[in-house]
Amino acid sequence: MSSLAQSLFLDSEISVDQELPRAGTSLEIPLVYDSIAREFKQMATRGLVEIVQERTRDGMAGPMIETLRYRRLRIG
């Protein structure tokens, strides 16, 4: 079973900076975007991606990730 984050990861090119999409996707919802971005940060701790840029904003439950750029490092 693949999550949206895993699908985005698998669709991305290796060694190419990419931004998580927002417009026209379920990631338009701030909580969904934050959740997927946090999954990418977990992938970074496993060495699958490198976080190139991250922007957060204050939310009601603490900081929320507003934009995230990443670079895929390996196949999987």
N, C-alpha and C. Protein backbone atom coordinates (compact mmCIF):
# COMPACT_ATOMS: atom_id res chain seq x y z
N MET A 1 0.84 -1.17 0.00
CA MET A 1 0.00 0.00 0.00
C MET A 1 0.90 1.24 0.00
N SER A 2 0.73 2.11 -0.99
CA SER A 2 1.54 3.31 -1.13
C SER A 2 0.81 4.53 -0.60
N SER A 3 1.56 5.37 0.09
CA SER A 3 1.00 6.65 0.51
C SER A 3 1.20 7.66 -0.62
N LEU A 4 0.56 8.79 -0.51
CA LEU A 4 0.73 9.84 -1.49
C LEU A 4 2.20 10.28 -1.54
N ALA A 5 2.84 10.37 -0.39
CA ALA A 5 4.25 10.77 -0.34
C ALA A 5 5.10 9.75 -1.09
N GLN A 6 4.85 8.48 -0.91
CA GLN A 6 5.62 7.45 -1.61
C GLN A 6 5.40 7.53 -3.12
N SER A 7 4.17 7.79 -3.53
CA SER A 7 3.87 7.92 -4.95
C SER A 7 4.61 9.11 -5.56
N LEU A 8 4.60 10.25 -4.85
CA LEU A 8 5.32 11.43 -5.32
C LEU A 8 6.82 11.15 -5.40
N PHE A 9 7.33 10.45 -4.40
CA PHE A 9 8.75 10.09 -4.38
C PHE A 9 9.10 9.23 -5.59
N LEU A 10 8.30 8.21 -5.84
CA LEU A 10 8.58 7.29 -6.94
C LEU A 10 8.44 7.96 -8.31
N ASP A 11 7.60 8.98 -8.41
CA ASP A 11 7.43 9.71 -9.66
C ASP A 11 8.50 10.77 -9.90
N SER A 12 9.30 11.06 -8.89
CA SER A 12 10.31 12.12 -9.03
C SER A 12 11.59 11.56 -9.65
N GLU A 13 12.34 12.47 -10.29
CA GLU A 13 13.60 12.10 -10.91
C GLU A 13 14.73 12.18 -9.89
N ILE A 14 15.70 11.31 -10.05
CA ILE A 14 16.87 11.30 -9.16
C ILE A 14 17.75 12.51 -9.46
N SER A 15 18.22 13.15 -8.40
CA SER A 15 19.15 14.29 -8.46
C SER A 15 18.56 15.56 -9.08
N VAL A 16 17.25 15.68 -9.09
CA VAL A 16 16.59 16.87 -9.63
C VAL A 16 15.79 17.53 -8.50
N ASP A 17 16.05 18.82 -8.24
CA ASP A 17 15.29 19.54 -7.23
C ASP A 17 13.82 19.61 -7.65
N GLN A 18 12.94 19.30 -6.71
CA GLN A 18 11.51 19.33 -6.99
C GLN A 18 10.79 19.92 -5.79
N GLU A 19 9.66 20.53 -6.06
CA GLU A 19 8.83 21.09 -5.00
C GLU A 19 7.56 20.24 -4.89
N LEU A 20 7.13 20.01 -3.67
CA LEU A 20 5.86 19.30 -3.52
C LEU A 20 4.78 20.12 -4.19
N PRO A 21 3.95 19.50 -5.02
CA PRO A 21 2.91 20.25 -5.72
C PRO A 21 1.84 20.74 -4.75
N ARG A 22 1.17 21.79 -5.11
CA ARG A 22 0.10 22.30 -4.25
C ARG A 22 -1.16 22.51 -5.07
N ALA A 23 -1.12 23.41 -6.02
CA ALA A 23 -2.32 23.76 -6.79
C ALA A 23 -2.84 22.58 -7.59
N GLY A 24 -4.15 22.39 -7.52
CA GLY A 24 -4.79 21.34 -8.30
C GLY A 24 -4.65 19.95 -7.74
N THR A 25 -4.16 19.83 -6.51
CA THR A 25 -3.99 18.51 -5.88
C THR A 25 -4.62 18.53 -4.49
N SER A 26 -4.66 17.36 -3.86
CA SER A 26 -5.16 17.30 -2.48
C SER A 26 -4.23 18.04 -1.53
N LEU A 27 -3.01 18.37 -2.00
CA LEU A 27 -2.06 19.09 -1.16
C LEU A 27 -2.40 20.57 -1.02
N GLU A 28 -3.49 21.01 -1.68
CA GLU A 28 -3.95 22.39 -1.48
C GLU A 28 -4.40 22.60 -0.04
N ILE A 29 -4.82 21.55 0.62
CA ILE A 29 -5.27 21.62 2.02
C ILE A 29 -4.02 21.69 2.90
N PRO A 30 -3.84 22.76 3.68
CA PRO A 30 -2.62 22.94 4.46
C PRO A 30 -2.25 21.76 5.35
N LEU A 31 -3.21 21.14 6.01
CA LEU A 31 -2.88 20.01 6.89
C LEU A 31 -2.38 18.81 6.09
N VAL A 32 -2.93 18.59 4.91
CA VAL A 32 -2.49 17.48 4.07
C VAL A 32 -1.07 17.76 3.57
N TYR A 33 -0.82 18.99 3.12
CA TYR A 33 0.51 19.36 2.65
C TYR A 33 1.53 19.15 3.77
N ASP A 34 1.23 19.62 4.96
CA ASP A 34 2.14 19.48 6.10
C ASP A 34 2.42 18.00 6.38
N SER A 35 1.41 17.18 6.34
CA SER A 35 1.56 15.75 6.61
C SER A 35 2.48 15.08 5.58
N ILE A 36 2.26 15.38 4.31
CA ILE A 36 3.08 14.79 3.25
C ILE A 36 4.52 15.31 3.35
N ALA A 37 4.67 16.59 3.62
CA ALA A 37 6.01 17.17 3.78
C ALA A 37 6.75 16.50 4.93
N ARG A 38 6.05 16.21 6.00
CA ARG A 38 6.70 15.53 7.14
C ARG A 38 7.11 14.10 6.77
N GLU A 39 6.33 13.44 5.91
CA GLU A 39 6.74 12.13 5.42
C GLU A 39 8.03 12.24 4.61
N PHE A 40 8.15 13.31 3.82
CA PHE A 40 9.39 13.52 3.07
C PHE A 40 10.56 13.79 4.01
N LYS A 41 10.33 14.47 5.11
CA LYS A 41 11.40 14.69 6.08
C LYS A 41 11.83 13.37 6.71
N GLN A 42 10.89 12.45 6.91
CA GLN A 42 11.25 11.12 7.41
C GLN A 42 12.07 10.36 6.36
N MET A 43 11.71 10.52 5.09
CA MET A 43 12.49 9.90 4.01
C MET A 43 13.92 10.45 4.02
N ALA A 44 14.06 11.72 4.36
CA ALA A 44 15.38 12.34 4.41
C ALA A 44 16.23 11.70 5.51
N THR A 45 15.63 11.36 6.63
CA THR A 45 16.39 10.71 7.70
C THR A 45 16.84 9.31 7.30
N ARG A 46 16.14 8.72 6.31
CA ARG A 46 16.51 7.38 5.82
C ARG A 46 17.44 7.47 4.60
N GLY A 47 17.80 8.69 4.20
CA GLY A 47 18.73 8.88 3.10
C GLY A 47 18.12 8.75 1.72
N LEU A 48 16.79 8.80 1.62
CA LEU A 48 16.14 8.68 0.31
C LEU A 48 16.08 10.01 -0.43
N VAL A 49 15.92 11.09 0.31
CA VAL A 49 15.85 12.43 -0.28
C VAL A 49 16.69 13.38 0.56
N GLU A 50 17.00 14.52 -0.04
CA GLU A 50 17.64 15.62 0.68
C GLU A 50 16.65 16.77 0.65
N ILE A 51 16.39 17.38 1.81
CA ILE A 51 15.52 18.55 1.86
C ILE A 51 16.35 19.74 1.43
N VAL A 52 15.94 20.39 0.36
CA VAL A 52 16.68 21.50 -0.22
C VAL A 52 16.21 22.82 0.39
N GLN A 53 14.91 22.94 0.60
CA GLN A 53 14.36 24.17 1.17
C GLN A 53 13.04 23.84 1.86
N GLU A 54 12.82 24.48 2.98
CA GLU A 54 11.58 24.29 3.73
C GLU A 54 11.14 25.63 4.30
N ARG A 55 9.87 25.92 4.17
CA ARG A 55 9.32 27.14 4.76
C ARG A 55 8.14 26.74 5.63
N THR A 56 8.12 27.26 6.84
CA THR A 56 7.03 26.95 7.77
C THR A 56 6.29 28.22 8.13
N ARG A 57 5.12 28.03 8.69
CA ARG A 57 4.35 29.16 9.24
C ARG A 57 3.71 28.67 10.52
N ASP A 58 3.36 29.60 11.37
CA ASP A 58 2.72 29.23 12.64
C ASP A 58 1.30 28.76 12.39
N GLY A 59 0.97 27.62 12.96
CA GLY A 59 -0.38 27.09 12.91
C GLY A 59 -0.94 27.01 14.31
N MET A 60 -2.17 26.59 14.44
CA MET A 60 -2.80 26.52 15.76
C MET A 60 -2.13 25.48 16.65
N ALA A 61 -1.60 24.40 16.04
CA ALA A 61 -0.97 23.32 16.82
C ALA A 61 0.55 23.37 16.70
N GLY A 62 1.10 24.52 16.31
CA GLY A 62 2.54 24.64 16.14
C GLY A 62 2.89 24.92 14.69
N PRO A 63 4.18 24.91 14.38
CA PRO A 63 4.59 25.23 13.02
C PRO A 63 4.09 24.20 12.00
N MET A 64 3.67 24.71 10.84
CA MET A 64 3.23 23.85 9.74
C MET A 64 4.13 24.12 8.54
N ILE A 65 4.46 23.07 7.82
CA ILE A 65 5.29 23.21 6.62
C ILE A 65 4.41 23.77 5.51
N GLU A 66 4.85 24.89 4.96
CA GLU A 66 4.08 25.58 3.92
C GLU A 66 4.61 25.25 2.52
N THR A 67 5.94 25.15 2.39
CA THR A 67 6.54 24.72 1.12
C THR A 67 7.74 23.83 1.42
N LEU A 68 7.97 22.88 0.51
CA LEU A 68 9.09 21.97 0.69
C LEU A 68 9.68 21.64 -0.68
N ARG A 69 10.97 21.84 -0.81
CA ARG A 69 11.72 21.42 -2.01
C ARG A 69 12.64 20.29 -1.58
N TYR A 70 12.74 19.29 -2.42
CA TYR A 70 13.56 18.13 -2.10
C TYR A 70 14.30 17.65 -3.35
N ARG A 71 15.30 16.82 -3.11
CA ARG A 71 16.05 16.17 -4.18
C ARG A 71 16.10 14.68 -3.86
N ARG A 72 15.61 13.90 -4.78
CA ARG A 72 15.65 12.43 -4.62
C ARG A 72 17.09 11.97 -4.79
N LEU A 73 17.56 11.13 -3.85
CA LEU A 73 18.95 10.71 -3.85
C LEU A 73 19.18 9.32 -4.42
N ARG A 74 18.19 8.46 -4.32
CA ARG A 74 18.39 7.10 -4.81
C ARG A 74 17.08 6.47 -5.23
N ILE A 75 17.16 5.26 -5.74
CA ILE A 75 16.00 4.59 -6.33
C ILE A 75 14.95 4.24 -5.29
N GLY A 76 15.29 3.77 -4.18
CA GLY A 76 14.24 3.46 -3.25
C GLY A 76 14.65 2.73 -2.07
